[in-house]
Amino acid sequence: MATVERVLILHGGDRPAADEIGRIIYRLEQATGTDLIGVRITPFGPGFGQPDESIAQALVVRLEYEGDLSGGALERTTVQTFSLDGARRVVAAVVMAEERNPWVKDLIAKHLEKIDLLGNAVAWQPGWAMLSSEPAVSFVACAAE
């Protein structure tokens, strides 16, 4: 599952209420296929005027320049617009996290294919700690080493 570096919520006028933010977060999780628990969510207020996609993108660039977001943030950003109470517009920018070890996904898939073909014998190598009774879990846990 992809991870999220940060969520920016731009609003004009009053800050969205907690239940409104909850609905926005739920819809963002559905749209991005991610879990936003533990992700830094930052609201930005009416200093931007009426928020739109270009303002959200400019904010992402500024935060990257200031060092608050990792490099290449704009390329990893999706922007959605929400209507609250039929009138107020809120724009949410989701900045996906950089993939730290993209090779791990390929290696794990190849290893799991071997397990399917050859059985569990390839799921353990000397020196690997068995963290669980499930060999694939053990391999995934040790993949970073």
N, C-alpha and C. Protein backbone atom coordinates (compact mmCIF):
# COMPACT_ATOMS: atom_id res chain seq x y z
N MET A 1 0.84 -1.17 0.00
CA MET A 1 0.00 0.00 0.00
C MET A 1 0.89 1.24 0.00
N ALA A 2 0.52 2.20 -0.81
CA ALA A 2 1.26 3.46 -0.85
C ALA A 2 1.06 4.22 0.45
N THR A 3 2.03 5.04 0.78
CA THR A 3 1.91 5.84 1.98
C THR A 3 1.86 7.32 1.61
N VAL A 4 1.35 8.10 2.53
CA VAL A 4 1.15 9.52 2.30
C VAL A 4 2.12 10.30 3.18
N GLU A 5 2.79 11.29 2.60
CA GLU A 5 3.70 12.15 3.35
C GLU A 5 2.92 13.22 4.12
N ARG A 6 1.92 13.82 3.46
CA ARG A 6 1.20 14.91 4.11
C ARG A 6 -0.09 15.20 3.36
N VAL A 7 -1.09 15.71 4.09
CA VAL A 7 -2.34 16.17 3.50
C VAL A 7 -2.49 17.65 3.83
N LEU A 8 -2.78 18.45 2.82
CA LEU A 8 -3.01 19.88 2.99
C LEU A 8 -4.47 20.17 2.69
N ILE A 9 -5.15 20.86 3.58
CA ILE A 9 -6.55 21.21 3.37
C ILE A 9 -6.65 22.73 3.30
N LEU A 10 -6.98 23.25 2.13
CA LEU A 10 -7.11 24.69 1.92
C LEU A 10 -8.57 25.07 1.98
N HIS A 11 -8.88 26.09 2.76
CA HIS A 11 -10.27 26.52 2.89
C HIS A 11 -10.35 28.03 2.89
N GLY A 12 -11.46 28.55 2.40
CA GLY A 12 -11.73 29.98 2.48
C GLY A 12 -12.75 30.18 3.60
N GLY A 13 -12.65 31.26 4.30
CA GLY A 13 -13.60 31.52 5.38
C GLY A 13 -13.29 30.69 6.60
N ASP A 14 -14.35 30.25 7.28
CA ASP A 14 -14.19 29.49 8.52
C ASP A 14 -13.53 28.14 8.26
N ARG A 15 -12.75 27.73 9.25
CA ARG A 15 -12.12 26.41 9.19
C ARG A 15 -13.22 25.34 9.21
N PRO A 16 -13.07 24.28 8.40
CA PRO A 16 -14.07 23.21 8.42
C PRO A 16 -14.19 22.60 9.81
N ALA A 17 -15.40 22.22 10.17
CA ALA A 17 -15.65 21.58 11.46
C ALA A 17 -15.03 20.18 11.46
N ALA A 18 -14.88 19.62 12.64
CA ALA A 18 -14.24 18.30 12.79
C ALA A 18 -14.97 17.24 11.97
N ASP A 19 -16.31 17.25 11.97
CA ASP A 19 -17.04 16.23 11.20
C ASP A 19 -16.84 16.43 9.69
N GLU A 20 -16.71 17.69 9.26
CA GLU A 20 -16.46 17.95 7.84
C GLU A 20 -15.07 17.46 7.45
N ILE A 21 -14.09 17.71 8.29
CA ILE A 21 -12.73 17.20 8.01
C ILE A 21 -12.74 15.68 7.99
N GLY A 22 -13.49 15.07 8.91
CA GLY A 22 -13.61 13.61 8.93
C GLY A 22 -14.15 13.07 7.63
N ARG A 23 -15.18 13.72 7.07
CA ARG A 23 -15.75 13.28 5.79
C ARG A 23 -14.74 13.48 4.65
N ILE A 24 -14.01 14.58 4.69
CA ILE A 24 -12.99 14.83 3.66
C ILE A 24 -11.92 13.74 3.72
N ILE A 25 -11.45 13.44 4.91
CA ILE A 25 -10.41 12.42 5.08
C ILE A 25 -10.91 11.07 4.59
N TYR A 26 -12.14 10.72 4.94
CA TYR A 26 -12.71 9.45 4.50
C TYR A 26 -12.71 9.38 2.97
N ARG A 27 -13.15 10.45 2.31
CA ARG A 27 -13.21 10.45 0.85
C ARG A 27 -11.80 10.41 0.24
N LEU A 28 -10.84 11.07 0.89
CA LEU A 28 -9.46 11.01 0.39
C LEU A 28 -8.90 9.60 0.52
N GLU A 29 -9.19 8.93 1.63
CA GLU A 29 -8.73 7.55 1.80
C GLU A 29 -9.31 6.65 0.72
N GLN A 30 -10.59 6.84 0.41
CA GLN A 30 -11.23 6.03 -0.62
C GLN A 30 -10.61 6.32 -1.99
N ALA A 31 -10.36 7.58 -2.29
CA ALA A 31 -9.84 7.97 -3.61
C ALA A 31 -8.40 7.53 -3.81
N THR A 32 -7.59 7.57 -2.75
CA THR A 32 -6.17 7.26 -2.90
C THR A 32 -5.82 5.82 -2.52
N GLY A 33 -6.76 5.11 -1.90
CA GLY A 33 -6.48 3.74 -1.47
C GLY A 33 -5.47 3.67 -0.35
N THR A 34 -5.44 4.69 0.48
CA THR A 34 -4.47 4.74 1.58
C THR A 34 -5.19 4.88 2.91
N ASP A 35 -4.43 4.67 3.97
CA ASP A 35 -4.91 4.88 5.33
C ASP A 35 -4.21 6.12 5.85
N LEU A 36 -4.96 7.13 6.24
CA LEU A 36 -4.37 8.40 6.65
C LEU A 36 -4.16 8.52 8.15
N ILE A 37 -4.33 7.42 8.88
CA ILE A 37 -4.06 7.45 10.32
C ILE A 37 -2.58 7.72 10.52
N GLY A 38 -2.26 8.71 11.33
CA GLY A 38 -0.88 9.06 11.63
C GLY A 38 -0.24 10.01 10.63
N VAL A 39 -0.96 10.37 9.57
CA VAL A 39 -0.43 11.29 8.56
C VAL A 39 -0.68 12.73 9.03
N ARG A 40 0.31 13.58 8.82
CA ARG A 40 0.17 15.00 9.19
C ARG A 40 -0.83 15.67 8.25
N ILE A 41 -1.90 16.21 8.85
CA ILE A 41 -2.94 16.91 8.09
C ILE A 41 -2.91 18.37 8.52
N THR A 42 -2.69 19.27 7.56
CA THR A 42 -2.52 20.68 7.89
C THR A 42 -3.56 21.52 7.16
N PRO A 43 -4.40 22.24 7.91
CA PRO A 43 -5.34 23.17 7.27
C PRO A 43 -4.66 24.51 6.99
N PHE A 44 -5.00 25.12 5.86
CA PHE A 44 -4.51 26.45 5.51
C PHE A 44 -5.72 27.33 5.27
N GLY A 45 -5.77 28.46 5.96
CA GLY A 45 -6.96 29.29 6.02
C GLY A 45 -7.16 30.28 4.91
N PRO A 46 -7.98 31.27 5.20
CA PRO A 46 -8.50 32.17 4.17
C PRO A 46 -7.49 33.14 3.57
N GLY A 47 -6.25 33.10 3.96
CA GLY A 47 -5.25 33.98 3.36
C GLY A 47 -5.06 33.75 1.87
N PHE A 48 -5.58 32.65 1.36
CA PHE A 48 -5.42 32.30 -0.06
C PHE A 48 -6.61 32.76 -0.90
N GLY A 49 -7.62 33.34 -0.28
CA GLY A 49 -8.85 33.64 -1.01
C GLY A 49 -9.63 32.35 -1.21
N GLN A 50 -10.35 32.27 -2.31
CA GLN A 50 -11.12 31.05 -2.60
C GLN A 50 -10.14 30.00 -3.12
N PRO A 51 -9.98 28.88 -2.42
CA PRO A 51 -8.97 27.89 -2.83
C PRO A 51 -9.33 27.19 -4.14
N ASP A 52 -8.30 26.87 -4.90
CA ASP A 52 -8.49 26.06 -6.10
C ASP A 52 -7.24 25.20 -6.31
N GLU A 53 -7.25 24.41 -7.37
CA GLU A 53 -6.17 23.45 -7.60
C GLU A 53 -4.82 24.13 -7.79
N SER A 54 -4.79 25.25 -8.50
CA SER A 54 -3.51 25.92 -8.75
C SER A 54 -2.91 26.48 -7.46
N ILE A 55 -3.75 26.97 -6.56
CA ILE A 55 -3.26 27.46 -5.27
C ILE A 55 -2.70 26.30 -4.45
N ALA A 56 -3.38 25.15 -4.48
CA ALA A 56 -2.90 23.97 -3.75
C ALA A 56 -1.54 23.54 -4.29
N GLN A 57 -1.39 23.53 -5.61
CA GLN A 57 -0.11 23.14 -6.21
C GLN A 57 0.99 24.14 -5.86
N ALA A 58 0.67 25.43 -5.86
CA ALA A 58 1.66 26.45 -5.49
C ALA A 58 2.08 26.27 -4.03
N LEU A 59 1.14 25.91 -3.17
CA LEU A 59 1.47 25.68 -1.76
C LEU A 59 2.40 24.48 -1.61
N VAL A 60 2.16 23.42 -2.37
CA VAL A 60 3.04 22.25 -2.33
C VAL A 60 4.46 22.64 -2.74
N VAL A 61 4.59 23.42 -3.80
CA VAL A 61 5.91 23.87 -4.26
C VAL A 61 6.58 24.71 -3.17
N ARG A 62 5.83 25.61 -2.56
CA ARG A 62 6.41 26.46 -1.50
C ARG A 62 6.87 25.63 -0.31
N LEU A 63 6.05 24.66 0.11
CA LEU A 63 6.43 23.83 1.25
C LEU A 63 7.64 22.96 0.94
N GLU A 64 7.75 22.51 -0.31
CA GLU A 64 8.94 21.76 -0.71
C GLU A 64 10.17 22.67 -0.65
N TYR A 65 10.04 23.89 -1.17
CA TYR A 65 11.15 24.85 -1.15
C TYR A 65 11.59 25.16 0.28
N GLU A 66 10.63 25.25 1.21
CA GLU A 66 10.93 25.54 2.61
C GLU A 66 11.44 24.32 3.37
N GLY A 67 11.44 23.16 2.72
CA GLY A 67 11.94 21.95 3.36
C GLY A 67 10.91 21.19 4.16
N ASP A 68 9.64 21.59 4.06
CA ASP A 68 8.58 20.89 4.79
C ASP A 68 8.08 19.65 4.06
N LEU A 69 8.40 19.54 2.77
CA LEU A 69 8.06 18.35 1.98
C LEU A 69 9.32 17.89 1.26
N SER A 70 9.42 16.60 1.03
CA SER A 70 10.60 16.06 0.34
C SER A 70 10.57 16.44 -1.14
N GLY A 71 11.72 16.34 -1.79
CA GLY A 71 11.87 16.73 -3.18
C GLY A 71 10.93 16.00 -4.13
N GLY A 72 10.51 16.69 -5.18
CA GLY A 72 9.61 16.10 -6.17
C GLY A 72 8.19 15.95 -5.68
N ALA A 73 7.80 16.75 -4.69
CA ALA A 73 6.48 16.61 -4.07
C ALA A 73 5.34 16.85 -5.05
N LEU A 74 5.49 17.81 -5.93
CA LEU A 74 4.39 18.14 -6.85
C LEU A 74 4.05 16.96 -7.76
N GLU A 75 5.06 16.21 -8.17
CA GLU A 75 4.81 15.05 -9.04
C GLU A 75 4.07 13.94 -8.29
N ARG A 76 4.12 13.95 -6.97
CA ARG A 76 3.46 12.92 -6.17
C ARG A 76 2.16 13.42 -5.54
N THR A 77 1.65 14.55 -6.02
CA THR A 77 0.50 15.19 -5.40
C THR A 77 -0.76 14.99 -6.24
N THR A 78 -1.85 14.66 -5.56
CA THR A 78 -3.17 14.66 -6.18
C THR A 78 -4.01 15.71 -5.46
N VAL A 79 -4.88 16.37 -6.20
CA VAL A 79 -5.69 17.44 -5.63
C VAL A 79 -7.16 17.14 -5.89
N GLN A 80 -7.98 17.32 -4.86
CA GLN A 80 -9.42 17.14 -4.99
C GLN A 80 -10.13 18.34 -4.39
N THR A 81 -11.27 18.69 -4.98
CA THR A 81 -12.08 19.80 -4.49
C THR A 81 -13.36 19.25 -3.89
N PHE A 82 -13.72 19.78 -2.72
CA PHE A 82 -14.93 19.36 -2.01
C PHE A 82 -15.82 20.57 -1.79
N SER A 83 -17.12 20.33 -1.78
CA SER A 83 -18.08 21.37 -1.45
C SER A 83 -18.66 21.06 -0.08
N LEU A 84 -18.60 22.03 0.82
CA LEU A 84 -19.16 21.86 2.15
C LEU A 84 -20.43 22.69 2.26
N ASP A 85 -21.49 22.07 2.72
CA ASP A 85 -22.77 22.75 2.88
C ASP A 85 -23.26 23.38 1.58
N GLY A 86 -22.84 22.84 0.47
CA GLY A 86 -23.28 23.32 -0.83
C GLY A 86 -22.70 24.66 -1.25
N ALA A 87 -21.94 25.32 -0.38
CA ALA A 87 -21.45 26.65 -0.73
C ALA A 87 -19.94 26.76 -0.60
N ARG A 88 -19.41 26.42 0.56
CA ARG A 88 -17.97 26.59 0.78
C ARG A 88 -17.18 25.54 0.02
N ARG A 89 -16.07 25.98 -0.54
CA ARG A 89 -15.21 25.06 -1.28
C ARG A 89 -13.95 24.80 -0.47
N VAL A 90 -13.57 23.53 -0.41
CA VAL A 90 -12.34 23.11 0.26
C VAL A 90 -11.53 22.30 -0.74
N VAL A 91 -10.24 22.59 -0.82
CA VAL A 91 -9.35 21.86 -1.72
C VAL A 91 -8.36 21.08 -0.86
N ALA A 92 -8.24 19.80 -1.14
CA ALA A 92 -7.31 18.94 -0.39
C ALA A 92 -6.23 18.44 -1.34
N ALA A 93 -4.99 18.60 -0.91
CA ALA A 93 -3.84 18.10 -1.67
C ALA A 93 -3.22 16.96 -0.88
N VAL A 94 -3.11 15.79 -1.51
CA VAL A 94 -2.51 14.62 -0.88
C VAL A 94 -1.14 14.41 -1.52
N VAL A 95 -0.10 14.52 -0.70
CA VAL A 95 1.27 14.33 -1.18
C VAL A 95 1.70 12.92 -0.78
N MET A 96 1.84 12.07 -1.78
CA MET A 96 2.25 10.70 -1.52
C MET A 96 3.73 10.68 -1.11
N ALA A 97 4.09 9.72 -0.28
CA ALA A 97 5.47 9.60 0.20
C ALA A 97 6.35 9.03 -0.91
N GLU A 98 7.62 9.39 -0.86
CA GLU A 98 8.58 8.80 -1.79
C GLU A 98 8.73 7.33 -1.46
N GLU A 99 8.85 6.52 -2.50
CA GLU A 99 9.07 5.10 -2.29
C GLU A 99 10.54 4.90 -1.96
N ARG A 100 10.82 4.39 -0.78
CA ARG A 100 12.20 4.31 -0.31
C ARG A 100 12.97 3.13 -0.93
N ASN A 101 12.36 1.99 -1.04
CA ASN A 101 13.03 0.80 -1.57
C ASN A 101 12.13 0.14 -2.62
N PRO A 102 12.00 0.73 -3.81
CA PRO A 102 11.08 0.17 -4.79
C PRO A 102 11.44 -1.25 -5.21
N TRP A 103 12.70 -1.63 -5.10
CA TRP A 103 13.13 -2.97 -5.49
C TRP A 103 12.50 -4.03 -4.59
N VAL A 104 12.11 -3.67 -3.37
CA VAL A 104 11.57 -4.66 -2.44
C VAL A 104 10.29 -5.27 -2.98
N LYS A 105 9.42 -4.45 -3.61
CA LYS A 105 8.17 -4.98 -4.14
C LYS A 105 8.43 -6.06 -5.18
N ASP A 106 9.38 -5.82 -6.07
CA ASP A 106 9.70 -6.82 -7.10
C ASP A 106 10.30 -8.07 -6.49
N LEU A 107 11.21 -7.89 -5.55
CA LEU A 107 11.88 -9.02 -4.92
C LEU A 107 10.88 -9.88 -4.13
N ILE A 108 9.99 -9.25 -3.40
CA ILE A 108 9.00 -10.00 -2.63
C ILE A 108 8.10 -10.79 -3.57
N ALA A 109 7.64 -10.17 -4.64
CA ALA A 109 6.76 -10.88 -5.58
C ALA A 109 7.47 -12.10 -6.18
N LYS A 110 8.73 -11.94 -6.56
CA LYS A 110 9.48 -13.08 -7.11
C LYS A 110 9.65 -14.18 -6.07
N HIS A 111 9.92 -13.79 -4.84
CA HIS A 111 10.11 -14.77 -3.78
C HIS A 111 8.82 -15.52 -3.48
N LEU A 112 7.70 -14.81 -3.47
CA LEU A 112 6.42 -15.47 -3.21
C LEU A 112 6.05 -16.42 -4.35
N GLU A 113 6.43 -16.08 -5.58
CA GLU A 113 6.21 -17.00 -6.70
C GLU A 113 7.01 -18.29 -6.50
N LYS A 114 8.26 -18.16 -6.03
CA LYS A 114 9.07 -19.35 -5.75
C LYS A 114 8.42 -20.21 -4.67
N ILE A 115 7.87 -19.57 -3.66
CA ILE A 115 7.19 -20.33 -2.59
C ILE A 115 6.04 -21.12 -3.18
N ASP A 116 5.26 -20.48 -4.07
CA ASP A 116 4.14 -21.18 -4.70
C ASP A 116 4.63 -22.38 -5.52
N LEU A 117 5.76 -22.22 -6.21
CA LEU A 117 6.26 -23.29 -7.06
C LEU A 117 7.00 -24.38 -6.29
N LEU A 118 7.83 -23.99 -5.34
CA LEU A 118 8.73 -24.93 -4.69
C LEU A 118 8.35 -25.27 -3.25
N GLY A 119 7.39 -24.60 -2.71
CA GLY A 119 7.02 -24.85 -1.32
C GLY A 119 7.77 -23.93 -0.38
N ASN A 120 7.60 -24.16 0.89
CA ASN A 120 8.13 -23.26 1.91
C ASN A 120 9.64 -23.35 2.12
N ALA A 121 10.32 -24.27 1.47
CA ALA A 121 11.76 -24.43 1.71
C ALA A 121 12.54 -23.17 1.38
N VAL A 122 12.08 -22.40 0.38
CA VAL A 122 12.80 -21.19 0.02
C VAL A 122 12.40 -19.99 0.87
N ALA A 123 11.48 -20.19 1.80
CA ALA A 123 11.01 -19.07 2.61
C ALA A 123 11.93 -18.77 3.78
N TRP A 124 12.92 -19.57 3.98
CA TRP A 124 13.84 -19.33 5.09
C TRP A 124 15.26 -19.54 4.60
N GLN A 125 16.12 -18.64 4.93
CA GLN A 125 17.53 -18.75 4.59
C GLN A 125 18.33 -18.70 5.89
N PRO A 126 19.49 -19.34 5.95
CA PRO A 126 20.29 -19.28 7.17
C PRO A 126 20.54 -17.82 7.58
N GLY A 127 20.37 -17.55 8.86
CA GLY A 127 20.57 -16.20 9.37
C GLY A 127 19.30 -15.38 9.44
N TRP A 128 18.23 -15.83 8.79
CA TRP A 128 16.97 -15.10 8.87
C TRP A 128 16.23 -15.51 10.13
N ALA A 129 15.77 -14.57 10.86
CA ALA A 129 14.98 -14.86 12.06
C ALA A 129 13.55 -15.14 11.64
N MET A 130 12.96 -16.17 12.23
CA MET A 130 11.55 -16.44 11.98
C MET A 130 10.74 -15.60 12.95
N LEU A 131 10.07 -14.59 12.44
CA LEU A 131 9.29 -13.69 13.28
C LEU A 131 7.86 -14.17 13.46
N SER A 132 7.48 -15.15 12.69
CA SER A 132 6.11 -15.63 12.70
C SER A 132 6.10 -17.05 12.16
N SER A 133 4.99 -17.71 12.31
CA SER A 133 4.88 -19.05 11.74
C SER A 133 4.66 -18.98 10.24
N GLU A 134 4.36 -17.80 9.72
CA GLU A 134 4.13 -17.63 8.29
C GLU A 134 5.44 -17.25 7.61
N PRO A 135 6.02 -18.12 6.76
CA PRO A 135 7.32 -17.83 6.14
C PRO A 135 7.35 -16.55 5.32
N ALA A 136 6.27 -16.25 4.60
CA ALA A 136 6.27 -15.04 3.78
C ALA A 136 6.39 -13.80 4.65
N VAL A 137 5.76 -13.81 5.80
CA VAL A 137 5.87 -12.68 6.72
C VAL A 137 7.30 -12.52 7.19
N SER A 138 7.96 -13.64 7.45
CA SER A 138 9.36 -13.60 7.87
C SER A 138 10.23 -12.99 6.79
N PHE A 139 9.99 -13.38 5.54
CA PHE A 139 10.77 -12.85 4.44
C PHE A 139 10.55 -11.34 4.31
N VAL A 140 9.30 -10.90 4.36
CA VAL A 140 9.00 -9.48 4.22
C VAL A 140 9.66 -8.70 5.35
N ALA A 141 9.62 -9.23 6.55
CA ALA A 141 10.21 -8.54 7.70
C ALA A 141 11.72 -8.41 7.55
N CYS A 142 12.35 -9.35 6.89
CA CYS A 142 13.80 -9.34 6.74
C CYS A 142 14.26 -8.71 5.42
N ALA A 143 13.33 -8.32 4.57
CA ALA A 143 13.69 -7.85 3.23
C ALA A 143 14.55 -6.60 3.26
N ALA A 144 14.43 -5.80 4.29
CA ALA A 144 15.20 -4.55 4.35
C ALA A 144 16.65 -4.79 4.73
N GLU A 145 16.98 -5.97 5.25
CA GLU A 145 18.35 -6.23 5.70
C GLU A 145 19.30 -6.48 4.55
